[in-house]
N, C-alpha and C. Protein backbone atom coordinates (compact mmCIF):
# COMPACT_ATOMS: atom_id res chain seq x y z
N MET A 1 71.94 146.07 102.38
CA MET A 1 70.93 147.00 101.96
C MET A 1 70.96 148.22 102.91
N ASP A 2 70.90 149.42 102.37
CA ASP A 2 71.00 150.60 103.20
C ASP A 2 69.68 150.91 103.90
N ALA A 3 69.75 151.79 104.90
CA ALA A 3 68.60 152.08 105.75
C ALA A 3 67.46 152.73 104.96
N ASN A 4 67.78 153.61 104.01
CA ASN A 4 66.72 154.26 103.22
C ASN A 4 65.89 153.24 102.45
N ARG A 5 66.55 152.27 101.88
CA ARG A 5 65.85 151.25 101.10
C ARG A 5 64.98 150.38 102.01
N LYS A 6 65.50 150.05 103.18
CA LYS A 6 64.72 149.24 104.14
C LYS A 6 63.51 150.02 104.66
N ILE A 7 63.70 151.30 104.94
CA ILE A 7 62.58 152.13 105.39
C ILE A 7 61.52 152.21 104.32
N LYS A 8 61.93 152.35 103.07
CA LYS A 8 60.98 152.40 101.95
C LYS A 8 60.21 151.08 101.84
N GLN A 9 60.88 149.95 102.01
CA GLN A 9 60.20 148.65 101.93
C GLN A 9 59.19 148.49 103.06
N ILE A 10 59.55 148.89 104.27
CA ILE A 10 58.62 148.80 105.38
C ILE A 10 57.44 149.74 105.15
N LEU A 11 57.70 150.92 104.63
CA LEU A 11 56.64 151.89 104.36
C LEU A 11 55.66 151.36 103.32
N ASP A 12 56.15 150.64 102.33
CA ASP A 12 55.25 150.07 101.31
C ASP A 12 54.26 149.09 101.92
N ARG A 13 54.65 148.42 103.02
CA ARG A 13 53.75 147.46 103.67
C ARG A 13 52.97 148.05 104.85
N ASP A 14 53.24 149.31 105.19
CA ASP A 14 52.62 149.94 106.36
C ASP A 14 51.15 150.26 106.08
N ILE A 15 50.26 149.78 106.96
CA ILE A 15 48.83 150.01 106.74
C ILE A 15 48.43 151.45 107.05
N ASN A 16 49.21 152.16 107.85
CA ASN A 16 48.90 153.56 108.17
C ASN A 16 49.22 154.51 107.03
N LYS A 17 49.88 154.01 106.01
CA LYS A 17 50.26 154.85 104.87
C LYS A 17 49.03 155.45 104.17
N THR A 18 47.88 154.81 104.31
CA THR A 18 46.67 155.30 103.66
C THR A 18 46.17 156.60 104.28
N ARG A 19 46.68 156.97 105.47
CA ARG A 19 46.28 158.23 106.09
C ARG A 19 46.84 159.44 105.36
N ILE A 20 47.80 159.23 104.48
CA ILE A 20 48.39 160.32 103.70
C ILE A 20 48.04 160.11 102.23
N ASP A 21 47.26 161.03 101.69
CA ASP A 21 46.88 160.93 100.28
C ASP A 21 47.99 161.41 99.37
N ARG A 22 48.52 162.58 99.70
CA ARG A 22 49.46 163.22 98.79
C ARG A 22 50.42 164.11 99.57
N ILE A 23 51.66 164.14 99.10
CA ILE A 23 52.66 165.05 99.66
C ILE A 23 53.04 166.03 98.56
N GLU A 24 52.96 167.30 98.90
CA GLU A 24 53.24 168.33 97.91
C GLU A 24 54.23 169.33 98.48
N ALA A 25 55.25 169.65 97.70
CA ALA A 25 56.23 170.66 98.12
C ALA A 25 55.68 172.05 97.81
N VAL A 26 55.83 172.95 98.76
CA VAL A 26 55.40 174.33 98.56
C VAL A 26 56.52 175.06 97.85
N HIS A 27 56.21 175.67 96.73
CA HIS A 27 57.21 176.41 95.95
C HIS A 27 57.01 177.90 96.18
N ARG A 28 57.94 178.50 96.90
CA ARG A 28 57.91 179.94 97.14
C ARG A 28 58.51 180.66 95.95
N ARG A 29 58.11 181.90 95.78
CA ARG A 29 58.57 182.68 94.62
C ARG A 29 60.09 182.87 94.63
N LYS A 30 60.67 183.09 95.81
CA LYS A 30 62.11 183.34 95.89
C LYS A 30 62.95 182.08 95.72
N ASP A 31 62.41 180.94 96.13
CA ASP A 31 63.19 179.70 96.13
C ASP A 31 62.27 178.55 95.69
N LEU A 32 62.27 178.26 94.41
CA LEU A 32 61.31 177.32 93.85
C LEU A 32 61.55 175.86 94.24
N ASN A 33 62.79 175.47 94.43
CA ASN A 33 63.07 174.07 94.73
C ASN A 33 63.74 173.89 96.10
N HIS A 34 63.29 174.65 97.07
CA HIS A 34 63.90 174.63 98.40
C HIS A 34 63.86 173.24 99.03
N LEU A 35 62.69 172.61 99.07
CA LEU A 35 62.56 171.30 99.71
C LEU A 35 63.43 170.25 99.04
N GLU A 36 63.41 170.19 97.74
CA GLU A 36 64.19 169.18 97.03
C GLU A 36 65.69 169.35 97.27
N ARG A 37 66.14 170.60 97.25
CA ARG A 37 67.56 170.87 97.47
C ARG A 37 67.98 170.51 98.89
N ARG A 38 67.15 170.87 99.87
CA ARG A 38 67.47 170.55 101.26
C ARG A 38 67.43 169.04 101.52
N GLN A 39 66.50 168.35 100.89
CA GLN A 39 66.46 166.90 101.04
C GLN A 39 67.75 166.27 100.55
N GLN A 40 68.24 166.72 99.42
CA GLN A 40 69.47 166.17 98.89
C GLN A 40 70.66 166.51 99.77
N GLN A 41 70.74 167.75 100.23
CA GLN A 41 71.86 168.17 101.07
C GLN A 41 71.89 167.44 102.41
N ARG A 42 70.71 167.13 102.94
CA ARG A 42 70.62 166.55 104.28
C ARG A 42 70.34 165.06 104.28
N ALA A 43 70.34 164.43 103.11
CA ALA A 43 70.11 162.98 102.98
C ALA A 43 68.79 162.55 103.61
N ILE A 44 67.72 163.26 103.24
CA ILE A 44 66.38 162.95 103.74
C ILE A 44 65.55 162.45 102.55
N SER A 45 65.06 161.24 102.63
CA SER A 45 64.28 160.67 101.53
C SER A 45 62.79 160.97 101.73
N ASN A 46 62.02 160.77 100.67
CA ASN A 46 60.57 160.97 100.75
C ASN A 46 59.94 159.98 101.73
N ALA A 47 60.48 158.77 101.80
CA ALA A 47 59.96 157.78 102.74
C ALA A 47 60.15 158.25 104.17
N MET A 48 61.29 158.87 104.47
CA MET A 48 61.52 159.40 105.82
C MET A 48 60.52 160.50 106.15
N ILE A 49 60.20 161.33 105.18
CA ILE A 49 59.22 162.40 105.40
C ILE A 49 57.85 161.81 105.69
N VAL A 50 57.46 160.76 104.98
CA VAL A 50 56.17 160.12 105.21
C VAL A 50 56.13 159.51 106.61
N VAL A 51 57.22 158.87 107.03
CA VAL A 51 57.29 158.30 108.38
C VAL A 51 57.13 159.41 109.42
N ALA A 52 57.76 160.55 109.22
CA ALA A 52 57.63 161.67 110.15
C ALA A 52 56.20 162.17 110.21
N LEU A 53 55.53 162.24 109.06
CA LEU A 53 54.14 162.70 109.04
C LEU A 53 53.21 161.70 109.73
N LEU A 54 53.51 160.42 109.62
CA LEU A 54 52.66 159.39 110.22
C LEU A 54 52.88 159.25 111.72
N TYR A 55 54.13 159.24 112.16
CA TYR A 55 54.44 158.89 113.55
C TYR A 55 55.08 160.01 114.36
N GLY A 56 55.37 161.14 113.74
CA GLY A 56 56.05 162.22 114.46
C GLY A 56 55.15 162.97 115.41
N LYS A 57 55.78 163.60 116.39
CA LYS A 57 55.06 164.44 117.35
C LYS A 57 54.69 165.75 116.65
N LYS A 58 53.42 166.11 116.75
CA LYS A 58 52.91 167.29 116.05
C LYS A 58 53.03 168.52 116.95
N GLY A 59 53.57 169.59 116.37
CA GLY A 59 53.69 170.85 117.08
C GLY A 59 53.38 172.00 116.14
N PHE A 60 53.20 173.18 116.71
CA PHE A 60 52.87 174.35 115.91
C PHE A 60 53.84 175.47 116.22
N SER A 61 54.27 176.19 115.18
CA SER A 61 55.15 177.32 115.37
C SER A 61 54.99 178.29 114.20
N ARG A 62 54.64 179.51 114.52
CA ARG A 62 54.53 180.59 113.52
C ARG A 62 53.65 180.22 112.34
N GLY A 63 52.54 179.59 112.62
CA GLY A 63 51.58 179.24 111.58
C GLY A 63 51.90 177.98 110.82
N ALA A 64 52.98 177.32 111.16
CA ALA A 64 53.36 176.08 110.49
C ALA A 64 53.11 174.89 111.41
N VAL A 65 52.93 173.72 110.80
CA VAL A 65 52.78 172.47 111.54
C VAL A 65 54.12 171.74 111.44
N ILE A 66 54.67 171.34 112.58
CA ILE A 66 55.98 170.70 112.61
C ILE A 66 55.84 169.29 113.18
N PHE A 67 56.36 168.31 112.46
CA PHE A 67 56.36 166.92 112.90
C PHE A 67 57.80 166.53 113.23
N THR A 68 58.02 166.05 114.47
CA THR A 68 59.35 165.68 114.94
C THR A 68 59.38 164.21 115.33
N LEU A 69 60.39 163.50 114.85
CA LEU A 69 60.57 162.10 115.22
C LEU A 69 61.58 161.97 116.35
N ASN A 70 61.23 161.19 117.36
CA ASN A 70 62.15 160.87 118.44
C ASN A 70 61.96 159.41 118.83
N ASP A 71 62.75 158.93 119.75
CA ASP A 71 62.72 157.52 120.14
C ASP A 71 61.36 157.10 120.69
N ARG A 72 60.76 157.97 121.47
CA ARG A 72 59.47 157.64 122.09
C ARG A 72 58.38 157.44 121.03
N ASN A 73 58.39 158.25 119.98
CA ASN A 73 57.39 158.12 118.92
C ASN A 73 57.58 156.84 118.12
N LEU A 74 58.81 156.42 117.96
CA LEU A 74 59.12 155.27 117.11
C LEU A 74 59.11 153.94 117.86
N LYS A 75 59.01 153.98 119.17
CA LYS A 75 59.22 152.79 119.98
C LYS A 75 58.35 151.60 119.59
N TRP A 76 57.07 151.77 119.37
CA TRP A 76 56.16 150.66 119.07
C TRP A 76 55.73 150.65 117.61
N THR A 77 56.55 151.15 116.74
CA THR A 77 56.25 151.16 115.30
C THR A 77 57.15 150.17 114.57
N PRO A 78 56.86 149.89 113.31
CA PRO A 78 57.76 149.02 112.54
C PRO A 78 59.13 149.64 112.29
N TYR A 79 59.27 150.93 112.57
CA TYR A 79 60.52 151.66 112.29
C TYR A 79 61.40 151.78 113.53
N ALA A 80 61.08 151.06 114.60
CA ALA A 80 61.82 151.17 115.86
C ALA A 80 63.30 150.83 115.69
N LYS A 81 63.60 149.88 114.82
CA LYS A 81 65.01 149.51 114.64
C LYS A 81 65.80 150.56 113.85
N PHE A 82 65.10 151.54 113.28
CA PHE A 82 65.75 152.63 112.55
C PHE A 82 65.72 153.94 113.35
N ALA A 83 65.55 153.83 114.66
CA ALA A 83 65.47 155.03 115.50
C ALA A 83 66.75 155.87 115.40
N ASP A 84 67.91 155.21 115.28
CA ASP A 84 69.16 155.96 115.15
C ASP A 84 69.21 156.77 113.87
N VAL A 85 68.62 156.25 112.82
CA VAL A 85 68.61 156.93 111.52
C VAL A 85 67.58 158.05 111.48
N LEU A 86 66.41 157.81 112.08
CA LEU A 86 65.29 158.74 111.97
C LEU A 86 65.22 159.76 113.10
N ARG A 87 65.95 159.55 114.18
CA ARG A 87 65.89 160.44 115.34
C ARG A 87 66.26 161.87 114.96
N GLY A 88 65.39 162.80 115.35
CA GLY A 88 65.67 164.22 115.12
C GLY A 88 65.15 164.79 113.82
N LEU A 89 64.49 163.97 113.00
CA LEU A 89 63.96 164.48 111.73
C LEU A 89 62.77 165.39 112.01
N ARG A 90 62.79 166.57 111.43
CA ARG A 90 61.69 167.51 111.54
C ARG A 90 61.19 167.86 110.14
N VAL A 91 59.88 167.83 110.00
CA VAL A 91 59.23 168.20 108.74
C VAL A 91 58.32 169.38 109.03
N VAL A 92 58.53 170.48 108.32
CA VAL A 92 57.75 171.70 108.50
C VAL A 92 56.74 171.80 107.37
N CYS A 93 55.45 171.89 107.74
CA CYS A 93 54.36 171.89 106.75
C CYS A 93 53.47 173.11 106.93
N LEU A 94 52.85 173.53 105.83
CA LEU A 94 51.80 174.54 105.92
C LEU A 94 50.51 173.87 106.41
N THR A 95 50.22 172.69 105.85
CA THR A 95 49.07 171.90 106.28
C THR A 95 49.53 170.47 106.49
N GLY A 96 48.96 169.82 107.46
CA GLY A 96 49.33 168.44 107.76
C GLY A 96 48.58 167.46 106.90
N PRO A 97 48.72 166.16 107.20
CA PRO A 97 48.04 165.12 106.44
C PRO A 97 46.53 165.30 106.50
N PRO A 98 45.78 164.82 105.53
CA PRO A 98 46.11 163.87 104.47
C PRO A 98 46.76 164.48 103.23
N ASN A 99 46.59 165.77 102.99
CA ASN A 99 47.23 166.42 101.84
C ASN A 99 48.27 167.40 102.36
N ALA A 100 49.44 166.88 102.71
CA ALA A 100 50.48 167.68 103.34
C ALA A 100 51.16 168.59 102.33
N LYS A 101 51.32 169.84 102.72
CA LYS A 101 52.07 170.81 101.93
C LYS A 101 53.33 171.15 102.71
N ILE A 102 54.46 170.65 102.23
CA ILE A 102 55.70 170.69 102.98
C ILE A 102 56.56 171.88 102.57
N LEU A 103 57.04 172.61 103.58
CA LEU A 103 57.95 173.73 103.34
C LEU A 103 59.40 173.25 103.31
N THR A 104 59.82 172.53 104.35
CA THR A 104 61.20 172.07 104.44
C THR A 104 61.29 170.88 105.38
N ALA A 105 62.45 170.25 105.38
CA ALA A 105 62.75 169.15 106.29
C ALA A 105 64.20 169.30 106.74
N TYR A 106 64.45 169.02 108.01
CA TYR A 106 65.81 169.16 108.52
C TYR A 106 66.01 168.25 109.72
N TRP A 107 67.27 168.11 110.14
CA TRP A 107 67.63 167.33 111.32
C TRP A 107 67.76 168.29 112.49
N ASN A 108 67.03 168.04 113.56
CA ASN A 108 67.15 168.83 114.78
C ASN A 108 68.29 168.22 115.60
N ASN A 109 69.42 168.91 115.67
CA ASN A 109 70.61 168.38 116.33
C ASN A 109 70.41 168.14 117.82
N HIS A 110 69.60 168.95 118.47
CA HIS A 110 69.35 168.75 119.90
C HIS A 110 68.65 167.41 120.14
N THR A 111 67.65 167.10 119.33
CA THR A 111 66.93 165.84 119.45
C THR A 111 67.81 164.69 118.97
N LYS A 112 68.60 164.91 117.95
CA LYS A 112 69.45 163.87 117.39
C LYS A 112 70.48 163.38 118.40
N GLN A 113 70.97 164.28 119.25
CA GLN A 113 72.00 163.92 120.22
C GLN A 113 71.43 163.22 121.44
N LYS A 114 70.17 163.50 121.77
CA LYS A 114 69.56 162.85 122.93
C LYS A 114 69.13 161.44 122.55
N MET A 115 69.39 160.50 123.46
CA MET A 115 69.00 159.12 123.20
C MET A 115 68.39 158.57 124.47
N ARG A 116 67.17 158.05 124.35
CA ARG A 116 66.48 157.48 125.50
C ARG A 116 66.63 155.98 125.48
N LYS A 117 66.85 155.41 126.66
CA LYS A 117 66.92 153.96 126.75
C LYS A 117 65.99 153.46 127.80
């Protein structure tokens, strides 16, 4: 079974999932399906985005809310064994949970290369 499917199964049983009511993609006039296209290009599933919103480190930049996953954030979660898969995921939102409006998601290569033990 692949990692995306396992992450989805763990997320279905996660009690913290109730902190997020709805995830909505922001559709800009110039690029209507930006988030969906980037998710497909970068192999980022909706379950991974929810995990980032729940357990990621929250930061702010240029009016956006950014959630970043790293080893330290995942250490004591049910997703700790998927740290290699989830490390470096960044989700950029206009508004954070519970009704997240997501602009884009990407892999931060600097965080992805660093590994804490």
